[in-house]
Structure formats: C-alpha cells, structure tokens
PDB file of N, CA and C in Angstrom:
ATOM      1  N   UNK A   1     -30.718  -0.616  -3.394  1.00  0.00           N
ATOM      2  CA  UNK A   1     -29.486  -1.342  -3.167  1.00  0.00           C
ATOM      3  C   UNK A   1     -28.868  -0.838  -1.860  1.00  0.00           C
ATOM      4  N   UNK A   2     -28.387  -1.759  -1.051  1.00  0.00           N
ATOM      5  CA  UNK A   2     -27.753  -1.418   0.224  1.00  0.00           C
ATOM      6  C   UNK A   2     -26.382  -0.796  -0.021  1.00  0.00           C
ATOM      7  N   UNK A   3     -26.013   0.132   0.831  1.00  0.00           N
ATOM      8  CA  UNK A   3     -24.705   0.789   0.752  1.00  0.00           C
ATOM      9  C   UNK A   3     -23.593  -0.244   0.911  1.00  0.00           C
ATOM     10  N   UNK A   4     -22.502  -0.058   0.175  1.00  0.00           N
ATOM     11  CA  UNK A   4     -21.385  -1.002   0.215  1.00  0.00           C
ATOM     12  C   UNK A   4     -20.364  -0.679   1.310  1.00  0.00           C
ATOM     13  N   UNK A   5     -20.551   0.426   2.032  1.00  0.00           N
ATOM     14  CA  UNK A   5     -19.641   0.789   3.115  1.00  0.00           C
ATOM     15  C   UNK A   5     -19.961  -0.047   4.349  1.00  0.00           C
ATOM     16  N   UNK A   6     -18.932  -0.649   4.923  1.00  0.00           N
ATOM     17  CA  UNK A   6     -19.116  -1.513   6.084  1.00  0.00           C
ATOM     18  C   UNK A   6     -19.803  -0.756   7.223  1.00  0.00           C
ATOM     19  N   UNK A   7     -20.774  -1.379   7.828  1.00  0.00           N
ATOM     20  CA  UNK A   7     -21.539  -0.866   8.969  1.00  0.00           C
ATOM     21  C   UNK A   7     -22.441   0.325   8.642  1.00  0.00           C
ATOM     22  N   UNK A   8     -22.581   0.668   7.376  1.00  0.00           N
ATOM     23  CA  UNK A   8     -23.513   1.734   7.007  1.00  0.00           C
ATOM     24  C   UNK A   8     -24.868   1.094   6.748  1.00  0.00           C
ATOM     25  N   UNK A   9     -25.900   1.664   7.317  1.00  0.00           N
ATOM     26  CA  UNK A   9     -27.241   1.093   7.174  1.00  0.00           C
ATOM     27  C   UNK A   9     -28.027   1.729   6.036  1.00  0.00           C
ATOM     28  N   UNK A  10     -27.388   2.604   5.283  1.00  0.00           N
ATOM     29  CA  UNK A  10     -28.079   3.359   4.236  1.00  0.00           C
ATOM     30  C   UNK A  10     -28.414   2.545   3.001  1.00  0.00           C
ATOM     31  N   UNK A  11     -29.308   3.112   2.214  1.00  0.00           N
ATOM     32  CA  UNK A  11     -29.695   2.555   0.924  1.00  0.00           C
ATOM     33  C   UNK A  11     -29.242   3.527  -0.159  1.00  0.00           C
ATOM     34  N   UNK A  12     -28.758   2.984  -1.261  1.00  0.00           N
ATOM     35  CA  UNK A  12     -28.339   3.825  -2.389  1.00  0.00           C
ATOM     36  C   UNK A  12     -29.548   4.210  -3.219  1.00  0.00           C
ATOM     37  N   UNK A  13     -29.574   5.457  -3.623  1.00  0.00           N
ATOM     38  CA  UNK A  13     -30.659   5.986  -4.436  1.00  0.00           C
ATOM     39  C   UNK A  13     -30.073   6.567  -5.714  1.00  0.00           C
ATOM     40  N   UNK A  14     -30.788   6.410  -6.819  1.00  0.00           N
ATOM     41  CA  UNK A  14     -30.350   6.980  -8.085  1.00  0.00           C
ATOM     42  C   UNK A  14     -30.463   8.495  -8.015  1.00  0.00           C
ATOM     43  N   UNK A  15     -29.389   9.156  -8.424  1.00  0.00           N
ATOM     44  CA  UNK A  15     -29.337  10.609  -8.350  1.00  0.00           C
ATOM     45  C   UNK A  15     -28.405  11.125  -9.438  1.00  0.00           C
ATOM     46  N   UNK A  16     -28.305  12.429  -9.571  1.00  0.00           N
ATOM     47  CA  UNK A  16     -27.320  13.056 -10.440  1.00  0.00           C
ATOM     48  C   UNK A  16     -26.348  13.836  -9.570  1.00  0.00           C
ATOM     49  N   UNK A  17     -25.060  13.709  -9.886  1.00  0.00           N
ATOM     50  CA  UNK A  17     -24.024  14.375  -9.105  1.00  0.00           C
ATOM     51  C   UNK A  17     -23.194  15.282 -10.013  1.00  0.00           C
ATOM     52  N   UNK A  18     -22.368  16.084  -9.381  1.00  0.00           N
ATOM     53  CA  UNK A  18     -21.338  16.842 -10.081  1.00  0.00           C
ATOM     54  C   UNK A  18     -20.029  16.130  -9.790  1.00  0.00           C
ATOM     55  N   UNK A  19     -19.380  15.621 -10.836  1.00  0.00           N
ATOM     56  CA  UNK A  19     -18.167  14.815 -10.703  1.00  0.00           C
ATOM     57  C   UNK A  19     -16.955  15.671 -11.059  1.00  0.00           C
ATOM     58  N   UNK A  20     -15.956  15.685 -10.187  1.00  0.00           N
ATOM     59  CA  UNK A  20     -14.738  16.451 -10.421  1.00  0.00           C
ATOM     60  C   UNK A  20     -13.574  15.485 -10.574  1.00  0.00           C
ATOM     61  N   UNK A  21     -12.752  15.721 -11.581  1.00  0.00           N
ATOM     62  CA  UNK A  21     -11.617  14.845 -11.851  1.00  0.00           C
ATOM     63  C   UNK A  21     -10.458  15.691 -12.370  1.00  0.00           C
ATOM     64  N   UNK A  22      -9.239  15.262 -12.099  1.00  0.00           N
ATOM     65  CA  UNK A  22      -8.067  15.928 -12.675  1.00  0.00           C
ATOM     66  C   UNK A  22      -7.672  15.116 -13.906  1.00  0.00           C
ATOM     67  N   UNK A  23      -7.627  15.798 -15.058  1.00  0.00           N
ATOM     68  CA  UNK A  23      -7.340  15.126 -16.331  1.00  0.00           C
ATOM     69  C   UNK A  23      -6.259  15.917 -17.065  1.00  0.00           C
ATOM     70  N   UNK A  24      -5.135  15.270 -17.334  1.00  0.00           N
ATOM     71  CA  UNK A  24      -3.986  15.921 -17.991  1.00  0.00           C
ATOM     72  C   UNK A  24      -3.611  17.226 -17.292  1.00  0.00           C
ATOM     73  N   UNK A  25      -3.610  17.194 -15.971  1.00  0.00           N
ATOM     74  CA  UNK A  25      -3.189  18.349 -15.186  1.00  0.00           C
ATOM     75  C   UNK A  25      -4.228  19.439 -15.016  1.00  0.00           C
ATOM     76  N   UNK A  26      -5.416  19.239 -15.580  1.00  0.00           N
ATOM     77  CA  UNK A  26      -6.475  20.236 -15.446  1.00  0.00           C
ATOM     78  C   UNK A  26      -7.609  19.666 -14.601  1.00  0.00           C
ATOM     79  N   UNK A  27      -8.255  20.534 -13.832  1.00  0.00           N
ATOM     80  CA  UNK A  27      -9.418  20.132 -13.070  1.00  0.00           C
ATOM     81  C   UNK A  27     -10.625  20.230 -13.994  1.00  0.00           C
ATOM     82  N   UNK A  28     -11.360  19.124 -14.101  1.00  0.00           N
ATOM     83  CA  UNK A  28     -12.529  19.061 -14.972  1.00  0.00           C
ATOM     84  C   UNK A  28     -13.748  18.760 -14.113  1.00  0.00           C
ATOM     85  N   UNK A  29     -14.802  19.520 -14.303  1.00  0.00           N
ATOM     86  CA  UNK A  29     -16.049  19.327 -13.567  1.00  0.00           C
ATOM     87  C   UNK A  29     -17.111  18.886 -14.569  1.00  0.00           C
ATOM     88  N   UNK A  30     -17.761  17.763 -14.277  1.00  0.00           N
ATOM     89  CA  UNK A  30     -18.804  17.226 -15.156  1.00  0.00           C
ATOM     90  C   UNK A  30     -20.104  17.218 -14.369  1.00  0.00           C
ATOM     91  N   UNK A  31     -21.089  17.914 -14.895  1.00  0.00           N
ATOM     92  CA  UNK A  31     -22.374  18.064 -14.207  1.00  0.00           C
ATOM     93  C   UNK A  31     -23.380  17.025 -14.706  1.00  0.00           C
ATOM     94  N   UNK A  32     -24.348  16.721 -13.878  1.00  0.00           N
ATOM     95  CA  UNK A  32     -25.470  15.828 -14.210  1.00  0.00           C
ATOM     96  C   UNK A  32     -25.022  14.389 -14.490  1.00  0.00           C
ATOM     97  N   UNK A  33     -24.087  13.878 -13.710  1.00  0.00           N
ATOM     98  CA  UNK A  33     -23.600  12.509 -13.879  1.00  0.00           C
ATOM     99  C   UNK A  33     -24.513  11.567 -13.090  1.00  0.00           C
ATOM    100  N   UNK A  34     -25.072  10.540 -13.754  1.00  0.00           N
ATOM    101  CA  UNK A  34     -25.913   9.590 -13.029  1.00  0.00           C
ATOM    102  C   UNK A  34     -25.075   8.746 -12.069  1.00  0.00           C
ATOM    103  N   UNK A  35     -25.593   8.554 -10.851  1.00  0.00           N
ATOM    104  CA  UNK A  35     -24.853   7.799  -9.835  1.00  0.00           C
ATOM    105  C   UNK A  35     -25.820   7.211  -8.826  1.00  0.00           C
ATOM    106  N   UNK A  36     -25.328   6.260  -8.073  1.00  0.00           N
ATOM    107  CA  UNK A  36     -26.040   5.727  -6.925  1.00  0.00           C
ATOM    108  C   UNK A  36     -25.408   6.367  -5.698  1.00  0.00           C
ATOM    109  N   UNK A  37     -26.204   7.048  -4.874  1.00  0.00           N
ATOM    110  CA  UNK A  37     -25.699   7.790  -3.725  1.00  0.00           C
ATOM    111  C   UNK A  37     -26.361   7.264  -2.454  1.00  0.00           C
ATOM    112  N   UNK A  38     -25.542   6.948  -1.440  1.00  0.00           N
ATOM    113  CA  UNK A  38     -26.076   6.451  -0.174  1.00  0.00           C
ATOM    114  C   UNK A  38     -26.815   7.563   0.563  1.00  0.00           C
ATOM    115  N   UNK A  39     -27.995   7.233   1.056  1.00  0.00           N
ATOM    116  CA  UNK A  39     -28.831   8.206   1.762  1.00  0.00           C
ATOM    117  C   UNK A  39     -28.303   8.541   3.150  1.00  0.00           C
ATOM    118  N   UNK A  40     -27.389   7.736   3.678  1.00  0.00           N
ATOM    119  CA  UNK A  40     -26.860   7.969   5.025  1.00  0.00           C
ATOM    120  C   UNK A  40     -25.447   8.560   4.984  1.00  0.00           C
ATOM    121  N   UNK A  41     -24.511   7.865   4.329  1.00  0.00           N
ATOM    122  CA  UNK A  41     -23.109   8.309   4.370  1.00  0.00           C
ATOM    123  C   UNK A  41     -22.685   9.116   3.151  1.00  0.00           C
ATOM    124  N   UNK A  42     -23.493   9.120   2.091  1.00  0.00           N
ATOM    125  CA  UNK A  42     -23.168   9.895   0.906  1.00  0.00           C
ATOM    126  C   UNK A  42     -22.195   9.228  -0.049  1.00  0.00           C
ATOM    127  N   UNK A  43     -21.846   7.961   0.206  1.00  0.00           N
ATOM    128  CA  UNK A  43     -20.951   7.244  -0.702  1.00  0.00           C
ATOM    129  C   UNK A  43     -21.547   7.252  -2.109  1.00  0.00           C
ATOM    130  N   UNK A  44     -20.682   7.402  -3.112  1.00  0.00           N
ATOM    131  CA  UNK A  44     -21.128   7.508  -4.502  1.00  0.00           C
ATOM    132  C   UNK A  44     -20.596   6.325  -5.301  1.00  0.00           C
ATOM    133  N   UNK A  45     -21.477   5.702  -6.068  1.00  0.00           N
ATOM    134  CA  UNK A  45     -21.091   4.608  -6.955  1.00  0.00           C
ATOM    135  C   UNK A  45     -21.464   4.990  -8.385  1.00  0.00           C
ATOM    136  N   UNK A  46     -20.489   4.853  -9.298  1.00  0.00           N
ATOM    137  CA  UNK A  46     -20.730   5.088 -10.710  1.00  0.00           C
ATOM    138  C   UNK A  46     -20.751   3.741 -11.416  1.00  0.00           C
ATOM    139  N   UNK A  47     -21.679   3.559 -12.335  1.00  0.00           N
ATOM    140  CA  UNK A  47     -21.750   2.306 -13.087  1.00  0.00           C
ATOM    141  C   UNK A  47     -20.576   2.243 -14.066  1.00  0.00           C
ATOM    142  N   UNK A  48     -20.190   1.045 -14.495  1.00  0.00           N
ATOM    143  CA  UNK A  48     -19.127   0.928 -15.495  1.00  0.00           C
ATOM    144  C   UNK A  48     -19.457   1.699 -16.780  1.00  0.00           C
ATOM    145  N   UNK A  49     -20.726   1.708 -17.173  1.00  0.00           N
ATOM    146  CA  UNK A  49     -21.132   2.439 -18.375  1.00  0.00           C
ATOM    147  C   UNK A  49     -20.903   3.939 -18.205  1.00  0.00           C
ATOM    148  N   UNK A  50     -21.212   4.458 -17.014  1.00  0.00           N
ATOM    149  CA  UNK A  50     -21.010   5.879 -16.743  1.00  0.00           C
ATOM    150  C   UNK A  50     -19.525   6.222 -16.762  1.00  0.00           C
ATOM    151  N   UNK A  51     -18.707   5.381 -16.175  1.00  0.00           N
ATOM    152  CA  UNK A  51     -17.256   5.617 -16.170  1.00  0.00           C
ATOM    153  C   UNK A  51     -16.722   5.625 -17.596  1.00  0.00           C
ATOM    154  N   UNK A  52     -17.163   4.671 -18.419  1.00  0.00           N
ATOM    155  CA  UNK A  52     -16.727   4.638 -19.821  1.00  0.00           C
ATOM    156  C   UNK A  52     -17.162   5.899 -20.565  1.00  0.00           C
ATOM    157  N   UNK A  53     -18.374   6.358 -20.289  1.00  0.00           N
ATOM    158  CA  UNK A  53     -18.873   7.571 -20.936  1.00  0.00           C
ATOM    159  C   UNK A  53     -18.034   8.791 -20.534  1.00  0.00           C
ATOM    160  N   UNK A  54     -17.693   8.892 -19.258  1.00  0.00           N
ATOM    161  CA  UNK A  54     -16.854   9.995 -18.775  1.00  0.00           C
ATOM    162  C   UNK A  54     -15.481   9.938 -19.444  1.00  0.00           C
ATOM    163  N   UNK A  55     -14.887   8.744 -19.525  1.00  0.00           N
ATOM    164  CA  UNK A  55     -13.580   8.597 -20.164  1.00  0.00           C
ATOM    165  C   UNK A  55     -13.638   9.006 -21.634  1.00  0.00           C
ATOM    166  N   UNK A  56     -14.710   8.626 -22.327  1.00  0.00           N
ATOM    167  CA  UNK A  56     -14.874   9.005 -23.725  1.00  0.00           C
ATOM    168  C   UNK A  56     -15.046  10.514 -23.852  1.00  0.00           C
ATOM    169  N   UNK A  57     -15.859  11.083 -22.991  1.00  0.00           N
ATOM    170  CA  UNK A  57     -16.078  12.524 -23.003  1.00  0.00           C
ATOM    171  C   UNK A  57     -14.770  13.279 -22.817  1.00  0.00           C
ATOM    172  N   UNK A  58     -13.959  12.850 -21.859  1.00  0.00           N
ATOM    173  CA  UNK A  58     -12.686  13.517 -21.590  1.00  0.00           C
ATOM    174  C   UNK A  58     -11.711  13.392 -22.756  1.00  0.00           C
ATOM    175  N   UNK A  59     -11.702  12.242 -23.401  1.00  0.00           N
ATOM    176  CA  UNK A  59     -10.723  12.024 -24.473  1.00  0.00           C
ATOM    177  C   UNK A  59     -11.136  12.649 -25.805  1.00  0.00           C
ATOM    178  N   UNK A  60     -12.418  12.970 -25.987  1.00  0.00           N
ATOM    179  CA  UNK A  60     -12.859  13.479 -27.281  1.00  0.00           C
ATOM    180  C   UNK A  60     -13.412  14.897 -27.246  1.00  0.00           C
ATOM    181  N   UNK A  61     -13.663  15.438 -26.085  1.00  0.00           N
ATOM    182  CA  UNK A  61     -14.284  16.768 -25.995  1.00  0.00           C
ATOM    183  C   UNK A  61     -13.316  17.848 -26.471  1.00  0.00           C
ATOM    184  N   UNK A  62     -13.825  18.730 -27.317  1.00  0.00           N
ATOM    185  CA  UNK A  62     -13.008  19.840 -27.809  1.00  0.00           C
ATOM    186  C   UNK A  62     -12.945  20.967 -26.794  1.00  0.00           C
ATOM    187  N   UNK A  63     -14.124  21.429 -26.382  1.00  0.00           N
ATOM    188  CA  UNK A  63     -14.205  22.565 -25.470  1.00  0.00           C
ATOM    189  C   UNK A  63     -15.272  22.281 -24.424  1.00  0.00           C
ATOM    190  N   UNK A  64     -15.064  22.782 -23.218  1.00  0.00           N
ATOM    191  CA  UNK A  64     -16.089  22.593 -22.185  1.00  0.00           C
ATOM    192  C   UNK A  64     -17.333  23.424 -22.490  1.00  0.00           C
ATOM    193  N   UNK A  65     -18.448  23.005 -21.921  1.00  0.00           N
ATOM    194  CA  UNK A  65     -19.703  23.749 -22.090  1.00  0.00           C
ATOM    195  C   UNK A  65     -19.625  25.099 -21.398  1.00  0.00           C
ATOM    196  N   UNK A  66     -18.917  25.160 -20.267  1.00  0.00           N
ATOM    197  CA  UNK A  66     -18.734  26.400 -19.503  1.00  0.00           C
ATOM    198  C   UNK A  66     -17.359  26.366 -18.854  1.00  0.00           C
ATOM    199  N   UNK A  67     -16.907  27.499 -18.386  1.00  0.00           N
ATOM    200  CA  UNK A  67     -15.677  27.578 -17.608  1.00  0.00           C
ATOM    201  C   UNK A  67     -16.021  28.143 -16.244  1.00  0.00           C
ATOM    202  N   UNK A  68     -15.337  27.643 -15.217  1.00  0.00           N
ATOM    203  CA  UNK A  68     -15.614  28.082 -13.847  1.00  0.00           C
ATOM    204  C   UNK A  68     -14.313  28.528 -13.186  1.00  0.00           C
ATOM    205  N   UNK A  69     -14.389  29.417 -12.195  1.00  0.00           N
ATOM    206  CA  UNK A  69     -13.175  29.836 -11.491  1.00  0.00           C
ATOM    207  C   UNK A  69     -12.635  28.708 -10.617  1.00  0.00           C
ATOM    208  N   UNK A  70     -11.322  28.690 -10.456  1.00  0.00           N
ATOM    209  CA  UNK A  70     -10.650  27.700  -9.614  1.00  0.00           C
ATOM    210  C   UNK A  70      -9.835  28.462  -8.588  1.00  0.00           C
ATOM    211  N   UNK A  71     -10.090  28.201  -7.328  1.00  0.00           N
ATOM    212  CA  UNK A  71      -9.375  28.874  -6.243  1.00  0.00           C
ATOM    213  C   UNK A  71      -8.410  27.915  -5.581  1.00  0.00           C
ATOM    214  N   UNK A  72      -7.231  28.405  -5.220  1.00  0.00           N
ATOM    215  CA  UNK A  72      -6.227  27.642  -4.485  1.00  0.00           C
ATOM    216  C   UNK A  72      -6.472  27.800  -3.001  1.00  0.00           C
ATOM    217  N   UNK A  73      -6.348  26.746  -2.243  1.00  0.00           N
ATOM    218  CA  UNK A  73      -6.597  26.762  -0.810  1.00  0.00           C
ATOM    219  C   UNK A  73      -5.514  27.521  -0.043  1.00  0.00           C
ATOM    220  N   UNK A  74      -4.308  27.567  -0.574  1.00  0.00           N
ATOM    221  CA  UNK A  74      -3.167  28.187   0.115  1.00  0.00           C
ATOM    222  C   UNK A  74      -3.564  29.464   0.761  1.00  0.00           C
TER     223      UNK A  74
END
C-alpha cells in the first residue's frame, strides 16, 4: 500500500511497533502492536480493529505486564 502522506514515495509495510498513549493521566506503552509503517517517512497507520483492541485493553486491563521508568525532559 502506498504511503498516505502527500509527496511521499514510500510503501507501507506490515510491522510491529511500540505504541505510547496517555490514558487517564498515565503514560501507557503497548508493545508488539501490528501496524502499517511507511518505508520512507515512517508514518504509522493502525487498522480500526487494532485501535478497538487497544481501547479494550486499556479499559479492561488490571495490571501491566511490566513497568518501565519514566523520565521528565525538564
């Protein structure tokens, strides 16, 4: 699939990414998320099914699989 970014000549390839989102004031990192990633500009596209799965995971998960340190840029 061709990249959706204007003037980008890249092709999207199926890959797994690490997705970071802020949920209820907390930073949540989700590993191994399936996505389409442009080989040139790196634009990331998530399918509607993947987005729904992430939303379900966030709303029903009791505890994370792991915890990671969070550093402030200040």
